C-alpha atoms as a PDB file:
ATOM      1  CA  MET A   1     127.897 111.692  50.936  1.00  0.00           C
ATOM      2  CA  SER A   2     124.942 112.147  53.277  1.00  0.00           C
ATOM      3  CA  GLU A   3     124.399 110.007  56.367  1.00  0.00           C
ATOM      4  CA  SER A   4     121.449 108.239  54.725  1.00  0.00           C
ATOM      5  CA  GLU A   5     123.522 107.437  51.609  1.00  0.00           C
ATOM      6  CA  ALA A   6     126.366 106.141  53.769  1.00  0.00           C
ATOM      7  CA  SER A   7     123.904 104.041  55.784  1.00  0.00           C
ATOM      8  CA  ALA A   8     122.343 102.628  52.600  1.00  0.00           C
ATOM      9  CA  ARG A   9     125.799 101.701  51.243  1.00  0.00           C
ATOM     10  CA  GLU A  10     126.719  99.998  54.534  1.00  0.00           C
ATOM     11  CA  THR A  11     123.455  98.041  54.472  1.00  0.00           C
ATOM     12  CA  MET A  12     124.066  96.960  50.852  1.00  0.00           C
ATOM     13  CA  ALA A  13     127.651  95.952  51.644  1.00  0.00           C
ATOM     14  CA  ALA A  14     126.468  93.914  54.650  1.00  0.00           C
ATOM     15  CA  SER A  15     123.779  92.206  52.565  1.00  0.00           C
ATOM     16  CA  GLY A  16     126.233  91.334  49.791  1.00  0.00           C
ATOM     17  CA  ALA A  17     124.432  93.496  47.207  1.00  0.00           C
ATOM     18  CA  PRO A  18     126.923  94.991  44.755  1.00  0.00           C
ATOM     19  CA  GLU A  19     127.477  98.727  44.950  1.00  0.00           C
ATOM     20  CA  ILE A  20     126.241 100.382  41.760  1.00  0.00           C
ATOM     21  CA  THR A  21     127.943 103.477  40.384  1.00  0.00           C
ATOM     22  CA  LYS A  22     126.917 106.086  37.854  1.00  0.00           C
ATOM     23  CA  ASP A  23     129.622 104.710  35.540  1.00  0.00           C
ATOM     24  CA  ASP A  24     128.065 101.234  35.771  1.00  0.00           C
ATOM     25  CA  VAL A  25     124.716 102.643  34.637  1.00  0.00           C
ATOM     26  CA  ILE A  26     126.361 104.635  31.823  1.00  0.00           C
ATOM     27  CA  ALA A  27     128.092 101.462  30.600  1.00  0.00           C
ATOM     28  CA  VAL A  28     124.685  99.803  30.262  1.00  0.00           C
ATOM     29  CA  LEU A  29     123.220 102.869  28.531  1.00  0.00           C
ATOM     30  CA  LYS A  30     126.026 102.611  25.971  1.00  0.00           C
ATOM     31  CA  THR A  31     124.542  99.266  24.883  1.00  0.00           C
ATOM     32  CA  CYS A  32     121.294 100.954  23.800  1.00  0.00           C
ATOM     33  CA  TYR A  33     120.971 102.237  20.239  1.00  0.00           C
ATOM     34  CA  ASP A  34     118.416 104.077  18.200  1.00  0.00           C
ATOM     35  CA  PRO A  35     118.005 101.501  15.398  1.00  0.00           C
ATOM     36  CA  GLU A  36     118.160 104.244  12.766  1.00  0.00           C
ATOM     37  CA  ILE A  37     121.468 105.700  14.042  1.00  0.00           C
ATOM     38  CA  PRO A  38     124.684 103.653  14.501  1.00  0.00           C
ATOM     39  CA  VAL A  39     125.693 105.490  17.702  1.00  0.00           C
ATOM     40  CA  ASP A  40     124.708 104.559  21.257  1.00  0.00           C
ATOM     41  CA  ILE A  41     122.190 106.800  23.016  1.00  0.00           C
ATOM     42  CA  TYR A  42     124.728 108.107  25.537  1.00  0.00           C
ATOM     43  CA  GLU A  43     127.168 109.350  22.888  1.00  0.00           C
ATOM     44  CA  LEU A  44     124.228 110.602  20.836  1.00  0.00           C
ATOM     45  CA  GLY A  45     123.393 112.969  23.700  1.00  0.00           C
ATOM     46  CA  LEU A  46     119.982 111.538  24.520  1.00  0.00           C
ATOM     47  CA  ILE A  47     120.896 111.005  28.181  1.00  0.00           C
ATOM     48  CA  TYR A  48     120.615 114.190  30.221  1.00  0.00           C
ATOM     49  CA  GLU A  49     121.171 112.824  33.726  1.00  0.00           C
ATOM     50  CA  VAL A  50     122.224 109.604  35.424  1.00  0.00           C
ATOM     51  CA  ASP A  51     122.215 109.073  39.170  1.00  0.00           C
ATOM     52  CA  VAL A  52     122.313 106.201  41.638  1.00  0.00           C
ATOM     53  CA  ARG A  53     120.140 107.015  44.605  1.00  0.00           C
ATOM     54  CA  GLU A  54     119.605 105.510  48.022  1.00  0.00           C
ATOM     55  CA  GLY A  55     118.914 101.792  47.938  1.00  0.00           C
ATOM     56  CA  ASN A  56     120.570 101.353  44.519  1.00  0.00           C
ATOM     57  CA  LEU A  57     117.713 103.075  42.714  1.00  0.00           C
ATOM     58  CA  ALA A  58     119.004 104.089  39.284  1.00  0.00           C
ATOM     59  CA  TYR A  59     117.664 107.339  37.862  1.00  0.00           C
ATOM     60  CA  VAL A  60     117.869 108.239  34.169  1.00  0.00           C
ATOM     61  CA  LYS A  61     116.624 111.437  32.544  1.00  0.00           C
ATOM     62  CA  MET A  62     116.574 111.169  28.779  1.00  0.00           C
ATOM     63  CA  THR A  63     115.067 112.533  25.617  1.00  0.00           C
ATOM     64  CA  LEU A  64     114.636 111.367  22.045  1.00  0.00           C
ATOM     65  CA  THR A  65     115.647 113.045  18.811  1.00  0.00           C
ATOM     66  CA  SER A  66     112.040 114.237  18.428  1.00  0.00           C
ATOM     67  CA  PRO A  67     108.616 113.598  19.991  1.00  0.00           C
ATOM     68  CA  MET A  68     107.621 111.878  16.746  1.00  0.00           C
ATOM     69  CA  CYS A  69     110.643 109.531  16.888  1.00  0.00           C
ATOM     70  CA  PRO A  70     109.631 106.059  15.616  1.00  0.00           C
ATOM     71  CA  VAL A  71     111.210 104.408  18.682  1.00  0.00           C
ATOM     72  CA  ALA A  72     109.450 106.661  21.218  1.00  0.00           C
ATOM     73  CA  GLU A  73     107.516 103.732  22.666  1.00  0.00           C
ATOM     74  CA  ILE A  74     110.369 101.222  22.482  1.00  0.00           C
ATOM     75  CA  LEU A  75     113.653 102.908  23.434  1.00  0.00           C
ATOM     76  CA  PRO A  76     112.710 104.239  26.909  1.00  0.00           C
ATOM     77  CA  VAL A  77     111.337 100.801  27.829  1.00  0.00           C
ATOM     78  CA  GLU A  78     114.553  99.136  26.620  1.00  0.00           C
ATOM     79  CA  VAL A  79     116.641 101.568  28.679  1.00  0.00           C
ATOM     80  CA  GLN A  80     114.587 100.958  31.803  1.00  0.00           C
ATOM     81  CA  GLU A  81     114.636  97.161  31.358  1.00  0.00           C
ATOM     82  CA  LYS A  82     118.398  97.005  30.776  1.00  0.00           C
ATOM     83  CA  VAL A  83     119.172  99.172  33.804  1.00  0.00           C
ATOM     84  CA  ARG A  84     116.729  97.223  35.999  1.00  0.00           C
ATOM     85  CA  ALA A  85     118.455  93.993  34.947  1.00  0.00           C
ATOM     86  CA  MET A  86     121.804  95.180  36.331  1.00  0.00           C
ATOM     87  CA  PRO A  87     122.928  93.122  39.339  1.00  0.00           C
ATOM     88  CA  GLY A  88     122.225  95.079  42.496  1.00  0.00           C
ATOM     89  CA  VAL A  89     119.882  97.668  40.984  1.00  0.00           C
ATOM     90  CA  SER A  90     116.677  97.816  42.998  1.00  0.00           C
ATOM     91  CA  ASP A  91     114.727  99.688  40.317  1.00  0.00           C
ATOM     92  CA  CYS A  92     115.110 102.240  37.545  1.00  0.00           C
ATOM     93  CA  GLU A  93     113.209 105.504  37.491  1.00  0.00           C
ATOM     94  CA  LEU A  94     113.174 106.987  33.996  1.00  0.00           C
ATOM     95  CA  ASP A  95     112.031 110.475  33.074  1.00  0.00           C
ATOM     96  CA  LEU A  96     111.458 111.096  29.373  1.00  0.00           C
ATOM     97  CA  VAL A  97     111.695 114.840  28.808  1.00  0.00           C
ATOM     98  CA  TRP A  98     111.449 117.184  25.822  1.00  0.00           C
ATOM     99  CA  ASP A  99     113.067 120.249  27.357  1.00  0.00           C
ATOM    100  CA  PRO A 100     115.675 121.067  26.418  1.00  0.00           C
ATOM    101  CA  PRO A 101     114.980 119.685  22.965  1.00  0.00           C
ATOM    102  CA  TRP A 102     117.688 117.431  21.556  1.00  0.00           C
ATOM    103  CA  GLY A 103     120.028 118.965  19.003  1.00  0.00           C
ATOM    104  CA  MET A 104     123.076 117.746  17.099  1.00  0.00           C
ATOM    105  CA  GLU A 105     125.302 119.876  19.326  1.00  0.00           C
ATOM    106  CA  MET A 106     124.498 117.448  22.168  1.00  0.00           C
ATOM    107  CA  MET A 107     126.376 114.610  20.473  1.00  0.00           C
ATOM    108  CA  SER A 108     129.838 113.690  21.706  1.00  0.00           C
ATOM    109  CA  GLU A 109     132.813 114.299  19.436  1.00  0.00           C
ATOM    110  CA  SER A 110     133.086 110.551  18.766  1.00  0.00           C
ATOM    111  CA  ALA A 111     129.409 110.433  17.715  1.00  0.00           C
ATOM    112  CA  LYS A 112     129.941 113.370  15.364  1.00  0.00           C
ATOM    113  CA  LEU A 113     132.940 111.622  13.810  1.00  0.00           C
ATOM    114  CA  GLU A 114     131.010 108.356  13.440  1.00  0.00           C
ATOM    115  CA  LEU A 115     128.160 110.206  11.697  1.00  0.00           C
ATOM    116  CA  ASN A 116     130.491 112.429   9.634  1.00  0.00           C
ATOM    117  CA  PHE A 117     129.367 115.714  11.220  1.00  0.00           C
END
């Protein structure tokens, strides 16, 4: 942990703000679903990166199943809103990317079982 990260954590602890972890953010991401697929977006492999940065800024890099996905305008907004609503999160930076393109091999084993792949 860098000095600035340690300082930010000490400041948050002193102010009473809860410390946010990557696992906390992932737990919230697991409540988001593509309405056409009965598997959460994390297990589906749509989340490429999750980080909690200085000042409890949550960072999420994600993709969609395709650029023409019907939820392209809805799902990223839902993700950002749910993460921002977490107690202690100062903000959520979301990057929607298309490279690498999503593929079925990105799904977790549990997602593949749920979808019979």
